Amino acid sequence: EVQLVESGGGLVQAGGSLRLSCVASGFTFDDYAIGWFRQAPGKEREGISCITSSDGSTYYTDSVNGRFTFSSDPAKNTVYLQMNSLTPEDTAVYYCAADSYGSAAGSWYCRHGMDYWGKGTLVTVSS
């Protein structure tokens, strides 16, 4: 069974940075898709960065491109989301998600979601 556990959320001032981590158990970086999503209060869930085994590039949604960086450490079964230049609009619960099949592009998975989800970590950016 795949389990995803996020950490690293918290309260930060606008312009600051945070790094989120997601440890994946029961999951291998073989044929896969994995990504970060967020849901702000009163808004729909948004896929912000996704990567798959079939697509060598990392997808970023426009609102975070250039500020957030997705990285991974397969040896630790961990992925990270480095978030810089945070704004109050980045306030949300951030979720790590994964899929056992990575046949489509990262952008597809960010739009449609994945099979496995963590419980989320709250990021609050104060102005």
C-alpha atoms as a PDB file:
ATOM      1  CA  GLU A   1       0.000   0.000   0.000  1.00  0.00           C
ATOM      2  CA  VAL A   2       1.323   3.397  -0.965  1.00  0.00           C
ATOM      3  CA  GLN A   3       1.535   5.929   1.840  1.00  0.00           C
ATOM      4  CA  LEU A   4       2.597   9.537   1.469  1.00  0.00           C
ATOM      5  CA  VAL A   5       3.518  11.735   4.414  1.00  0.00           C
ATOM      6  CA  GLU A   6       4.096  15.445   3.953  1.00  0.00           C
ATOM      7  CA  SER A   7       5.975  17.743   6.306  1.00  0.00           C
ATOM      8  CA  GLY A   8       7.507  21.191   6.338  1.00  0.00           C
ATOM      9  CA  GLY A   9       4.460  23.425   6.321  1.00  0.00           C
ATOM     10  CA  GLY A  10       4.071  26.360   8.652  1.00  0.00           C
ATOM     11  CA  LEU A  11       3.696  30.099   8.966  1.00  0.00           C
ATOM     12  CA  VAL A  12       5.995  32.337   6.956  1.00  0.00           C
ATOM     13  CA  GLN A  13       6.040  36.011   6.046  1.00  0.00           C
ATOM     14  CA  ALA A  14       5.534  37.162   2.499  1.00  0.00           C
ATOM     15  CA  GLY A  15       8.773  36.943   0.560  1.00  0.00           C
ATOM     16  CA  GLY A  16       9.996  34.049   2.654  1.00  0.00           C
ATOM     17  CA  SER A  17      10.709  30.437   1.795  1.00  0.00           C
ATOM     18  CA  LEU A  18       9.685  26.976   2.902  1.00  0.00           C
ATOM     19  CA  ARG A  19      10.675  23.486   1.843  1.00  0.00           C
ATOM     20  CA  LEU A  20       8.077  20.759   1.896  1.00  0.00           C
ATOM     21  CA  SER A  21       9.011  17.092   2.042  1.00  0.00           C
ATOM     22  CA  CYS A  22       7.035  14.004   1.131  1.00  0.00           C
ATOM     23  CA  VAL A  23       8.159  10.531   2.132  1.00  0.00           C
ATOM     24  CA  ALA A  24       6.647   7.784   0.019  1.00  0.00           C
ATOM     25  CA  SER A  25       6.407   4.226   1.337  1.00  0.00           C
ATOM     26  CA  GLY A  26       5.214   1.255  -0.683  1.00  0.00           C
ATOM     27  CA  PHE A  27       6.208   3.200  -3.778  1.00  0.00           C
ATOM     28  CA  THR A  28       9.096   2.876  -6.198  1.00  0.00           C
ATOM     29  CA  PHE A  29      10.495   5.418  -8.595  1.00  0.00           C
ATOM     30  CA  ASP A  30      10.183   3.034 -11.511  1.00  0.00           C
ATOM     31  CA  ASP A  31       7.013   3.568 -13.542  1.00  0.00           C
ATOM     32  CA  TYR A  32       5.467   6.472 -11.651  1.00  0.00           C
ATOM     33  CA  ALA A  33       3.902   9.863 -11.459  1.00  0.00           C
ATOM     34  CA  ILE A  34       4.331  12.075  -8.425  1.00  0.00           C
ATOM     35  CA  GLY A  35       3.462  15.651  -7.718  1.00  0.00           C
ATOM     36  CA  TRP A  36       2.385  18.457  -5.461  1.00  0.00           C
ATOM     37  CA  PHE A  37      -1.117  19.871  -5.273  1.00  0.00           C
ATOM     38  CA  ARG A  38      -2.667  22.548  -3.116  1.00  0.00           C
ATOM     39  CA  GLN A  39      -6.084  23.676  -2.021  1.00  0.00           C
ATOM     40  CA  ALA A  40      -6.672  27.182  -0.757  1.00  0.00           C
ATOM     41  CA  PRO A  41      -9.699  28.039   1.382  1.00  0.00           C
ATOM     42  CA  GLY A  42     -12.816  28.226  -0.792  1.00  0.00           C
ATOM     43  CA  LYS A  43     -10.963  27.156  -3.919  1.00  0.00           C
ATOM     44  CA  GLU A  44     -10.624  23.983  -5.906  1.00  0.00           C
ATOM     45  CA  ARG A  45      -7.584  21.774  -5.651  1.00  0.00           C
ATOM     46  CA  GLU A  46      -4.784  22.845  -7.961  1.00  0.00           C
ATOM     47  CA  GLY A  47      -1.966  20.735  -9.359  1.00  0.00           C
ATOM     48  CA  ILE A  48       1.156  22.867  -9.057  1.00  0.00           C
ATOM     49  CA  SER A  49       4.060  20.608  -9.994  1.00  0.00           C
ATOM     50  CA  CYS A  50       4.162  17.091 -11.378  1.00  0.00           C
ATOM     51  CA  ILE A  51       6.693  14.732 -12.885  1.00  0.00           C
ATOM     52  CA  THR A  52       6.412  11.288 -14.413  1.00  0.00           C
ATOM     53  CA  SER A  53       8.773   8.529 -15.434  1.00  0.00           C
ATOM     54  CA  SER A  54       7.730   8.917 -19.080  1.00  0.00           C
ATOM     55  CA  ASP A  55       8.343  12.668 -19.211  1.00  0.00           C
ATOM     56  CA  GLY A  56      11.818  13.971 -18.461  1.00  0.00           C
ATOM     57  CA  SER A  57      10.639  17.473 -17.674  1.00  0.00           C
ATOM     58  CA  THR A  58       8.957  18.833 -14.568  1.00  0.00           C
ATOM     59  CA  TYR A  59       5.628  20.566 -15.020  1.00  0.00           C
ATOM     60  CA  TYR A  60       4.869  23.733 -13.057  1.00  0.00           C
ATOM     61  CA  THR A  61       1.645  25.637 -13.132  1.00  0.00           C
ATOM     62  CA  ASP A  62       2.068  29.267 -14.164  1.00  0.00           C
ATOM     63  CA  SER A  63       1.409  30.691 -10.712  1.00  0.00           C
ATOM     64  CA  VAL A  64       4.459  28.975  -9.189  1.00  0.00           C
ATOM     65  CA  ASN A  65       6.806  28.667 -12.174  1.00  0.00           C
ATOM     66  CA  GLY A  66      10.107  30.338 -11.386  1.00  0.00           C
ATOM     67  CA  ARG A  67       9.439  30.409  -7.627  1.00  0.00           C
ATOM     68  CA  PHE A  68       8.930  26.746  -6.711  1.00  0.00           C
ATOM     69  CA  THR A  69      11.284  23.854  -7.433  1.00  0.00           C
ATOM     70  CA  PHE A  70      10.390  20.180  -7.355  1.00  0.00           C
ATOM     71  CA  SER A  71      13.186  17.756  -6.564  1.00  0.00           C
ATOM     72  CA  SER A  72      13.512  14.145  -5.529  1.00  0.00           C
ATOM     73  CA  ASP A  73      15.832  11.793  -3.704  1.00  0.00           C
ATOM     74  CA  PRO A  74      14.894   8.281  -4.865  1.00  0.00           C
ATOM     75  CA  ALA A  75      17.356   6.727  -2.413  1.00  0.00           C
ATOM     76  CA  LYS A  76      15.259   8.187   0.399  1.00  0.00           C
ATOM     77  CA  ASN A  77      11.931   7.732  -1.419  1.00  0.00           C
ATOM     78  CA  THR A  78      11.415  11.424  -0.795  1.00  0.00           C
ATOM     79  CA  VAL A  79      10.371  14.351  -2.924  1.00  0.00           C
ATOM     80  CA  TYR A  80      10.651  18.005  -2.053  1.00  0.00           C
ATOM     81  CA  LEU A  81       9.029  21.273  -2.986  1.00  0.00           C
ATOM     82  CA  GLN A  82      11.234  24.301  -2.435  1.00  0.00           C
ATOM     83  CA  MET A  83       9.019  27.372  -2.288  1.00  0.00           C
ATOM     84  CA  ASN A  84      10.572  30.819  -2.597  1.00  0.00           C
ATOM     85  CA  SER A  85       9.173  34.337  -2.803  1.00  0.00           C
ATOM     86  CA  LEU A  86       5.987  33.234  -1.106  1.00  0.00           C
ATOM     87  CA  THR A  87       2.913  35.450  -1.228  1.00  0.00           C
ATOM     88  CA  PRO A  88      -0.345  35.334   0.741  1.00  0.00           C
ATOM     89  CA  GLU A  89      -1.929  33.793  -2.382  1.00  0.00           C
ATOM     90  CA  ASP A  90       0.209  30.705  -1.746  1.00  0.00           C
ATOM     91  CA  THR A  91      -1.627  30.027   1.513  1.00  0.00           C
ATOM     92  CA  ALA A  92      -3.150  26.561   1.193  1.00  0.00           C
ATOM     93  CA  VAL A  93      -3.005  22.966   2.310  1.00  0.00           C
ATOM     94  CA  TYR A  94      -0.318  21.308   0.230  1.00  0.00           C
ATOM     95  CA  TYR A  95      -0.674  17.673  -0.751  1.00  0.00           C
ATOM     96  CA  CYS A  96       1.766  15.155  -2.135  1.00  0.00           C
ATOM     97  CA  ALA A  97       0.220  12.698  -4.580  1.00  0.00           C
ATOM     98  CA  ALA A  98       1.457   9.694  -6.531  1.00  0.00           C
ATOM     99  CA  ASP A  99       0.388   7.235  -9.150  1.00  0.00           C
ATOM    100  CA  SER A 100       1.839   3.821  -9.889  1.00  0.00           C
ATOM    101  CA  TYR A 101       1.835   4.479 -13.626  1.00  0.00           C
ATOM    102  CA  GLY A 102       3.586   7.350 -15.317  1.00  0.00           C
ATOM    103  CA  SER A 103       2.429   6.932 -18.899  1.00  0.00           C
ATOM    104  CA  ALA A 104       1.239  10.497 -19.422  1.00  0.00           C
ATOM    105  CA  ALA A 105       2.958  13.855 -19.124  1.00  0.00           C
ATOM    106  CA  GLY A 106       3.265  15.618 -15.801  1.00  0.00           C
ATOM    107  CA  SER A 107       0.854  18.312 -16.925  1.00  0.00           C
ATOM    108  CA  TRP A 108      -1.855  15.691 -17.455  1.00  0.00           C
ATOM    109  CA  TYR A 109      -1.494  14.336 -13.935  1.00  0.00           C
ATOM    110  CA  CYS A 110      -1.496  17.834 -12.464  1.00  0.00           C
ATOM    111  CA  ARG A 111      -4.798  18.515 -14.238  1.00  0.00           C
ATOM    112  CA  HIS A 112      -6.457  15.170 -13.476  1.00  0.00           C
ATOM    113  CA  GLY A 113      -4.985  14.110 -10.133  1.00  0.00           C
ATOM    114  CA  MET A 114      -3.404  10.868  -8.990  1.00  0.00           C
ATOM    115  CA  ASP A 115      -4.402   7.672  -7.196  1.00  0.00           C
ATOM    116  CA  TYR A 116      -2.626   8.125  -3.867  1.00  0.00           C
ATOM    117  CA  TRP A 117      -2.687  11.154  -1.601  1.00  0.00           C
ATOM    118  CA  GLY A 118      -1.065  12.335   1.582  1.00  0.00           C
ATOM    119  CA  LYS A 119      -3.009  14.083   4.326  1.00  0.00           C
ATOM    120  CA  GLY A 120      -1.516  17.455   3.531  1.00  0.00           C
ATOM    121  CA  THR A 121       0.504  20.113   5.294  1.00  0.00           C
ATOM    122  CA  LEU A 122      -0.719  23.663   5.873  1.00  0.00           C
ATOM    123  CA  VAL A 123       1.255  26.598   4.539  1.00  0.00           C
ATOM    124  CA  THR A 124       0.226  30.041   5.726  1.00  0.00           C
ATOM    125  CA  VAL A 125       1.854  33.141   4.275  1.00  0.00           C
ATOM    126  CA  SER A 126       1.273  36.371   6.176  1.00  0.00           C
ATOM    127  CA  SER A 127       1.383  39.782   4.536  1.00  0.00           C
END
